[in-house]
Protein backbone atom coordinates (compact mmCIF):
# COMPACT_ATOMS: atom_id res chain seq x y z
CA UNK A 1 35.25 39.90 -63.98
CA UNK A 2 36.80 36.73 -65.48
CA UNK A 3 39.40 36.97 -68.10
CA UNK A 4 37.59 34.95 -70.78
CA UNK A 5 39.60 34.26 -73.89
CA UNK A 6 38.00 35.28 -77.17
CA UNK A 7 38.23 31.77 -78.48
CA UNK A 8 35.93 30.54 -75.75
CA UNK A 9 33.33 33.12 -76.63
CA UNK A 10 33.67 32.12 -80.28
CA UNK A 11 33.41 28.45 -79.33
CA UNK A 12 30.11 29.15 -77.46
CA UNK A 13 28.69 31.21 -80.39
CA UNK A 14 29.66 28.56 -82.92
CA UNK A 15 28.09 25.78 -80.67
CA UNK A 16 24.88 27.66 -80.34
CA UNK A 17 24.56 28.55 -84.10
CA UNK A 18 25.49 25.03 -85.30
CA UNK A 19 23.07 23.39 -82.79
CA UNK A 20 20.27 25.62 -83.91
CA UNK A 21 20.92 24.95 -87.52
CA UNK A 22 21.11 21.21 -87.03
CA UNK A 23 17.83 21.42 -84.95
CA UNK A 24 16.10 23.45 -87.53
CA UNK A 25 17.04 21.09 -90.37
CA UNK A 26 16.10 18.01 -88.40
CA UNK A 27 12.62 19.49 -87.84
CA UNK A 28 12.10 21.30 -91.13
CA UNK A 29 9.03 19.12 -91.90
CA UNK A 30 6.06 19.37 -89.65
CA UNK A 31 5.55 16.38 -87.36
CA UNK A 32 4.55 15.45 -83.91
CA UNK A 33 7.48 15.18 -81.43
CA UNK A 34 7.25 11.85 -79.64
CA UNK A 35 8.59 10.93 -76.29
CA UNK A 36 11.63 8.99 -77.68
CA UNK A 37 12.57 11.94 -79.97
CA UNK A 38 12.20 14.49 -77.18
CA UNK A 39 14.31 12.28 -74.85
CA UNK A 40 17.01 12.02 -77.46
CA UNK A 41 17.09 15.79 -78.07
CA UNK A 42 17.05 16.50 -74.30
CA UNK A 43 20.06 14.32 -73.99
CA UNK A 44 21.80 16.27 -76.75
CA UNK A 45 21.15 19.67 -75.11
CA UNK A 46 22.05 18.43 -71.60
CA UNK A 47 25.18 16.86 -72.97
CA UNK A 48 26.23 20.00 -74.76
CA UNK A 49 25.65 22.11 -71.56
CA UNK A 50 27.67 19.67 -69.48
CA UNK A 51 30.51 19.47 -72.00
CA UNK A 52 30.65 23.19 -72.13
CA UNK A 53 30.78 23.16 -68.31
CA UNK A 54 33.81 20.92 -68.30
CA UNK A 55 35.54 23.32 -70.73
CA UNK A 56 34.86 26.13 -68.31
CA UNK A 57 36.31 24.06 -65.48
CA UNK A 58 39.42 23.31 -67.52
CA UNK A 59 39.98 26.85 -68.91
CA UNK A 60 38.69 29.27 -66.21
CA UNK A 61 38.95 27.14 -63.07
CA UNK A 62 36.86 25.44 -60.42
CA UNK A 63 34.93 28.35 -59.05
CA UNK A 64 33.66 29.58 -62.50
CA UNK A 65 32.85 25.92 -63.42
CA UNK A 66 30.74 25.54 -60.24
CA UNK A 67 29.01 28.95 -60.85
CA UNK A 68 28.17 28.00 -64.43
CA UNK A 69 26.75 24.55 -63.36
CA UNK A 70 24.72 26.19 -60.52
CA UNK A 71 23.37 28.92 -62.80
CA UNK A 72 22.50 26.43 -65.53
CA UNK A 73 20.69 24.06 -63.15
CA UNK A 74 18.87 26.99 -61.49
CA UNK A 75 17.67 28.32 -64.81
CA UNK A 76 16.72 24.79 -65.94
CA UNK A 77 14.64 24.39 -62.76
CA UNK A 78 12.94 27.81 -63.08
CA UNK A 79 12.14 27.06 -66.76
CA UNK A 80 9.61 24.38 -65.68
CA UNK A 81 7.23 27.15 -64.99
CA UNK A 82 7.60 28.27 -68.67
CA UNK A 83 6.45 24.72 -69.79
CA UNK A 84 2.99 25.17 -68.11
CA UNK A 85 2.59 28.55 -69.87
CA UNK A 86 3.63 26.92 -73.12
CA UNK A 87 0.84 24.37 -72.72
CA UNK A 88 -1.61 27.24 -71.92
CA UNK A 89 -0.63 29.18 -75.01
CA UNK A 90 -0.81 26.19 -77.32
CA UNK A 91 -4.30 25.26 -75.91
CA UNK A 92 -5.53 28.77 -76.24
CA UNK A 93 -4.53 29.18 -79.88
CA UNK A 94 -5.30 25.47 -80.62
CA UNK A 95 -1.85 24.92 -82.18
CA UNK A 96 -1.64 21.58 -83.96
CA UNK A 97 0.97 19.50 -82.28
CA UNK A 98 2.93 19.14 -85.46
CA UNK A 99 3.61 22.91 -85.53
CA UNK A 100 4.50 23.45 -81.91
CA UNK A 101 8.27 22.72 -82.40
CA UNK A 102 8.52 25.50 -85.02
CA UNK A 103 6.84 28.01 -82.66
CA UNK A 104 9.13 27.04 -79.76
CA UNK A 105 12.23 27.28 -82.17
CA UNK A 106 11.61 30.93 -82.90
CA UNK A 107 10.51 31.63 -79.37
CA UNK A 108 13.89 30.32 -78.14
CA UNK A 109 15.75 32.55 -80.65
CA UNK A 110 13.95 35.58 -79.36
CA UNK A 111 14.51 34.46 -75.81
CA UNK A 112 18.28 34.28 -76.37
CA UNK A 113 18.25 37.86 -77.58
CA UNK A 114 16.15 39.32 -74.92
CA UNK A 115 17.86 37.41 -72.09
CA UNK A 116 21.14 38.65 -73.36
CA UNK A 117 19.97 42.25 -73.15
CA UNK A 118 18.48 41.85 -69.69
CA UNK A 119 21.53 40.02 -68.27
CA UNK A 120 23.99 42.50 -69.77
CA UNK A 121 21.87 45.34 -68.10
CA UNK A 122 21.69 43.40 -64.84
CA UNK A 123 25.41 42.82 -64.70
CA UNK A 124 26.13 46.51 -65.53
CA UNK A 125 23.70 47.69 -62.74
CA UNK A 126 25.06 45.17 -60.09
CA UNK A 127 28.59 46.16 -60.72
CA UNK A 128 27.78 49.77 -60.12
CA UNK A 129 25.06 49.64 -57.59
CA UNK A 130 25.49 46.70 -55.16
CA UNK A 131 22.38 47.81 -53.19
CA UNK A 132 20.19 46.73 -56.07
CA UNK A 133 20.70 43.15 -54.91
CA UNK A 134 18.27 43.92 -52.05
CA UNK A 135 15.67 44.89 -54.66
CA UNK A 136 16.41 41.57 -56.54
CA UNK A 137 15.96 39.67 -53.28
CA UNK A 138 12.66 41.40 -52.64
CA UNK A 139 11.52 40.29 -56.09
CA UNK A 140 12.44 36.75 -55.41
CA UNK A 141 10.69 36.82 -52.01
CA UNK A 142 7.51 38.20 -53.57
CA UNK A 143 7.64 35.46 -56.20
CA UNK A 144 7.98 32.88 -53.44
CA UNK A 145 4.96 34.27 -51.68
CA UNK A 146 2.79 34.13 -54.83
CA UNK A 147 3.85 30.50 -55.44
CA UNK A 148 3.17 29.34 -51.85
CA UNK A 149 -0.16 31.21 -51.69
CA UNK A 150 -1.06 30.01 -55.18
CA UNK A 151 -1.44 33.66 -56.23
CA UNK A 152 0.64 33.44 -59.43
CA UNK A 153 -0.28 36.05 -61.97
CA UNK A 154 -2.75 34.63 -64.48
CA UNK A 155 -1.39 34.83 -68.07
CA UNK A 156 -3.95 35.52 -70.83
CA UNK A 157 -2.21 34.76 -74.12
CA UNK A 158 -4.80 36.72 -76.18
CA UNK A 159 -4.40 39.83 -74.05
CA UNK A 160 -0.55 39.91 -73.87
CA UNK A 161 0.97 43.21 -75.08
CA UNK A 162 2.90 41.40 -77.78
CA UNK A 163 -0.14 39.87 -79.24
CA UNK A 164 -2.11 43.07 -79.12
CA UNK A 165 0.72 45.01 -80.78
CA UNK A 166 0.91 42.41 -83.46
CA UNK A 167 -2.80 42.76 -84.25
CA UNK A 168 -2.33 46.55 -84.59
CA UNK A 169 0.58 46.14 -86.97
CA UNK A 170 -0.86 43.48 -89.28
CA UNK A 171 -4.11 41.70 -89.61
CA UNK A 172 -4.19 38.08 -88.23
CA UNK A 173 -6.38 35.54 -89.84
CA UNK A 174 -8.19 32.74 -87.94
CA UNK A 175 -6.83 29.79 -89.95
CA UNK A 176 -3.47 28.19 -89.90
CA UNK A 177 -1.66 27.74 -93.25
CA UNK A 178 0.81 24.97 -92.46
CA UNK A 179 3.87 26.32 -90.79
CA UNK A 180 3.77 29.72 -92.55
CA UNK A 181 3.76 32.91 -90.60
CA UNK A 182 2.47 35.10 -93.43
CA UNK A 183 0.26 34.49 -96.41
CA UNK A 184 -1.08 36.56 -99.19
CA UNK A 185 -4.96 37.06 -99.28
CA UNK A 186 -6.62 39.33 -101.82
CA UNK A 187 -3.22 40.91 -102.58
CA UNK A 188 -2.54 41.73 -98.88
CA UNK A 189 0.01 40.26 -96.62
CA UNK A 190 -1.76 38.66 -93.58
CA UNK A 191 -0.28 36.95 -90.55
CA UNK A 192 -1.32 33.48 -89.49
CA UNK A 193 -2.08 32.55 -85.88
CA UNK A 194 1.35 30.96 -85.70
CA UNK A 195 2.94 34.33 -85.58
CA UNK A 196 0.62 35.34 -82.80
CA UNK A 197 1.68 32.22 -80.83
CA UNK A 198 5.39 33.24 -81.22
CA UNK A 199 4.51 36.70 -79.97
CA UNK A 200 2.64 35.19 -76.87
CA UNK A 201 5.71 32.88 -76.26
CA UNK A 202 8.10 35.94 -76.26
CA UNK A 203 5.79 37.91 -73.92
CA UNK A 204 5.76 35.01 -71.54
CA UNK A 205 9.58 34.82 -71.53
CA UNK A 206 9.75 38.49 -70.73
CA UNK A 207 7.52 37.86 -67.68
CA UNK A 208 9.64 34.92 -66.49
CA UNK A 209 12.80 36.96 -66.85
CA UNK A 210 11.74 39.02 -63.89
CA UNK A 211 12.53 35.91 -61.65
CA UNK A 212 15.28 34.39 -63.67
CA UNK A 213 17.59 37.34 -64.15
CA UNK A 214 17.84 38.30 -60.36
CA UNK A 215 18.24 34.56 -59.47
CA UNK A 216 21.06 33.89 -61.79
CA UNK A 217 22.78 37.11 -60.81
CA UNK A 218 22.87 35.82 -57.22
CA UNK A 219 25.10 32.96 -58.54
CA UNK A 220 27.48 35.10 -60.61
CA UNK A 221 27.85 38.65 -61.77
CA UNK A 222 30.12 37.73 -64.65
CA UNK A 223 28.46 38.21 -68.05
CA UNK A 224 30.11 35.12 -69.55
CA UNK A 225 28.88 32.81 -66.83
CA UNK A 226 25.31 34.10 -66.58
CA UNK A 227 24.66 34.28 -70.32
CA UNK A 228 26.18 30.98 -71.34
CA UNK A 229 24.37 29.15 -68.56
CA UNK A 230 21.08 30.83 -69.47
CA UNK A 231 21.55 30.09 -73.19
CA UNK A 232 22.19 26.36 -72.73
CA UNK A 233 19.22 26.10 -70.37
CA UNK A 234 16.90 27.99 -72.83
CA UNK A 235 18.13 25.91 -75.82
CA UNK A 236 16.94 22.74 -74.08
CA UNK A 237 13.49 24.14 -73.33
CA UNK A 238 11.72 22.72 -76.45
CA UNK A 239 12.88 19.22 -75.93
CA UNK A 240 12.08 19.49 -72.28
CA UNK A 241 8.57 20.61 -73.11
CA UNK A 242 7.81 17.67 -75.42
CA UNK A 243 9.49 15.36 -72.89
CA UNK A 244 7.45 16.47 -69.95
CA UNK A 245 4.25 17.66 -71.67
CA UNK A 246 2.34 14.63 -70.43
CA UNK A 247 3.94 14.59 -66.98
CA UNK A 248 3.68 18.26 -65.77
CA UNK A 249 0.60 17.66 -63.62
CA UNK A 250 2.28 14.75 -61.78
CA UNK A 251 5.13 16.93 -60.39
CA UNK A 252 2.76 18.84 -58.07
CA UNK A 253 5.43 19.38 -55.41
CA UNK A 254 7.84 20.98 -57.83
CA UNK A 255 6.26 24.35 -57.50
CA UNK A 256 6.88 24.26 -53.71
CA UNK A 257 10.44 23.18 -54.39
CA UNK A 258 10.96 26.10 -56.74
CA UNK A 259 9.51 28.46 -54.12
CA UNK A 260 12.10 27.18 -51.63
CA UNK A 261 14.87 27.68 -54.19
CA UNK A 262 13.84 31.26 -54.87
CA UNK A 263 13.68 32.06 -51.18
CA UNK A 264 17.11 30.51 -50.69
CA UNK A 265 18.59 32.59 -53.59
CA UNK A 266 16.92 35.59 -52.03
CA UNK A 267 18.75 35.03 -48.79
CA UNK A 268 21.97 34.49 -50.69
CA UNK A 269 21.49 37.91 -52.39
CA UNK A 270 21.01 39.63 -49.11
CA UNK A 271 24.01 38.13 -47.50
CA UNK A 272 26.02 38.91 -50.72
CA UNK A 273 24.97 42.60 -50.68
CA UNK A 274 25.51 42.88 -46.92
CA UNK A 275 28.97 41.38 -47.16
CA UNK A 276 30.01 43.97 -49.76
CA UNK A 277 28.30 47.01 -48.30
CA UNK A 278 28.48 46.57 -44.54
CA UNK A 279 31.05 44.12 -43.31
CA UNK A 280 33.35 41.45 -44.58
CA UNK A 281 32.46 39.46 -41.39
CA UNK A 282 28.97 38.70 -42.80
CA UNK A 283 29.17 35.39 -44.42
CA UNK A 284 28.29 34.59 -48.08
CA UNK A 285 26.81 31.34 -49.33
CA UNK A 286 29.50 29.54 -51.47
CA UNK A 287 28.50 28.44 -54.91
CA UNK A 288 29.14 24.74 -54.17
CA UNK A 289 26.59 25.00 -51.31
CA UNK A 290 24.07 26.72 -53.63
CA UNK A 291 24.52 23.87 -56.15
CA UNK A 292 24.02 21.27 -53.38
CA UNK A 293 20.80 22.94 -52.13
CA UNK A 294 19.27 23.27 -55.66
CA UNK A 295 20.02 19.65 -56.54
CA UNK A 296 18.63 18.35 -53.19
CA UNK A 297 15.50 20.45 -53.34
CA UNK A 298 14.73 19.39 -56.92
CA UNK A 299 15.34 15.75 -56.13
CA UNK A 300 13.17 15.78 -53.11
CA UNK A 301 10.36 17.68 -54.92
CA UNK A 302 10.25 15.04 -57.71
CA UNK A 303 10.54 12.14 -55.35
CA UNK A 304 7.64 13.35 -53.18
CA UNK A 305 5.49 13.97 -56.30
CA UNK A 306 6.10 10.43 -57.48
CA UNK A 307 5.63 8.95 -54.06
CA UNK A 308 2.47 10.95 -53.21
CA UNK A 309 0.55 11.52 -56.44
CA UNK A 310 -2.57 13.83 -56.57
CA UNK A 311 -5.78 11.83 -56.51
CA UNK A 312 -7.26 13.94 -59.35
CA UNK A 313 -4.11 13.24 -61.51
CA UNK A 314 -4.55 9.47 -60.89
CA UNK A 315 -8.26 9.58 -61.71
CA UNK A 316 -8.05 11.70 -64.76
CA UNK A 317 -5.10 9.85 -66.15
CA UNK A 318 -4.99 12.31 -68.96
CA UNK A 319 -1.94 14.41 -69.86
CA UNK A 320 -2.28 18.16 -70.71
CA UNK A 321 -1.42 17.52 -74.35
CA UNK A 322 -4.02 14.74 -74.59
CA UNK A 323 -6.55 16.92 -72.97
CA UNK A 324 -5.81 19.68 -75.26
CA UNK A 325 -6.48 17.46 -78.25
CA UNK A 326 -9.70 16.18 -76.70
CA UNK A 327 -10.87 19.69 -75.99
CA UNK A 328 -10.13 20.75 -79.58
CA UNK A 329 -12.04 17.84 -80.96
CA UNK A 330 -15.08 18.49 -78.78
CA UNK A 331 -14.96 22.27 -79.04
CA UNK A 332 -14.59 22.77 -75.28
CA UNK A 333 -11.62 25.19 -75.19
CA UNK A 334 -13.38 28.29 -74.30
CA UNK A 335 -15.31 30.98 -75.99
CA UNK A 336 -12.71 31.61 -78.74
CA UNK A 337 -13.82 30.11 -82.10
CA UNK A 338 -11.83 27.00 -82.97
CA UNK A 339 -8.95 27.56 -85.41
CA UNK A 340 -9.23 25.43 -88.52
CA UNK A 341 -6.20 23.93 -90.20
CA UNK A 342 -7.70 24.54 -93.63
CA UNK A 343 -7.20 26.66 -96.70
CA UNK A 344 -9.71 28.53 -98.79
CA UNK A 345 -10.19 26.94 -102.17
CA UNK A 346 -11.24 30.26 -103.82
CA UNK A 347 -8.26 32.21 -102.61
CA UNK A 348 -5.31 29.97 -101.72
CA UNK A 349 -2.64 31.62 -99.56
CA UNK A 350 0.65 32.22 -101.14
CA UNK A 351 4.07 32.63 -99.43
CA UNK A 352 4.90 36.14 -98.79
C-alpha cells in the first residue's frame, strides 16, 4: 500500500466538498443546462481530475500517477453506460429538464458514498484473497459477452428495488412540486416523484458498480488511488450527461469499444492473479500499457462512430433529450400516466 500523507487525503476531501458546494450554489435555481454550460463544467471537472493527477505524480511518484490516470479514464469510459440509463430514468419519470441537474447532484453524492464502501471492501478482499481476481475477471468477461451479444440486462426504473422500498416507506404523489423532495398534503408528509428518481439513479449506480469495481481494482489495489480516481470520474458525470445527452446515439461503436476494454481488463486480472499465485515468470500488464490501450480503443471507437454514422440516427436527427420532450408533449411515453408539473389550488403543498 502507498504511504499517502494525511494532508493529501485532506486536500482531496476539501476539493470534493468545495467543488460540490460551488456546483450546488451555481445551480440552486431550476434551469435547463445548455451545451455551453455543460461544456464549461465538464472542463472544470476534467481539469480538477488532471490537476489532482499531477499532484499524485509529484508527491507519490510516476507509478501511482499512471495508475490514477488509468483508473480515472477507465471509470470515465465505463460511466458512458450510466448516461444511457439516466436518459431512460428521466424519460420514464418524465422529469422536467430544469430539475435533472438537482436529481443527478444527489445521485452523485450517494454514488460517492456507496462506491467508497464497495471499493474499500474490494481492496480488503483482494489484499487477503488474491484468487478473487479470477472471479472479478469472470464478471468482466460475462459483461463483455452481454454487450457484444446485445444482451444487456434491461433496467426498469419503476421496478427497481430502491423505488419499491421508497413507495413502501412513504407515499409518492404523481405530481412534481418544483425541486422539492417532500411536501405536506392534508397534514401528511408525501414524497414527490423527484425523490423516486433519485432512488432509481442510486439503484442504477449499484448495478454499474458490479463492472466498475472489479475493473478499477485491476488497475490498482490501493484504496487512495481507486477511490480518488472513481470520485473524480463520478463528479463529472452530471456535466458529461448534459454535454452528450444529444449525442449518445451517434457513438454507436462506443459500446463495442467498452466491451473490448472490459475483456482486456479481464485478461489483466488473470495475469495479475496468476503472477502472484503461481509463478513470477507469468508477465503482468504494466499500467502504462493499460492506459495506452484504453485511450486507443476509446479514440478509435469515437472516430469510427463519427466516420460511419448509423442510417437511423441520420434520418431521425433527433437527440434523446429532444425525443423525450416530444414524447412528453404527445403522451407517447408508455402506459404510465404523464406527470404534471402543477400544484393543487385547494391544498397547496408546503415544505416539510
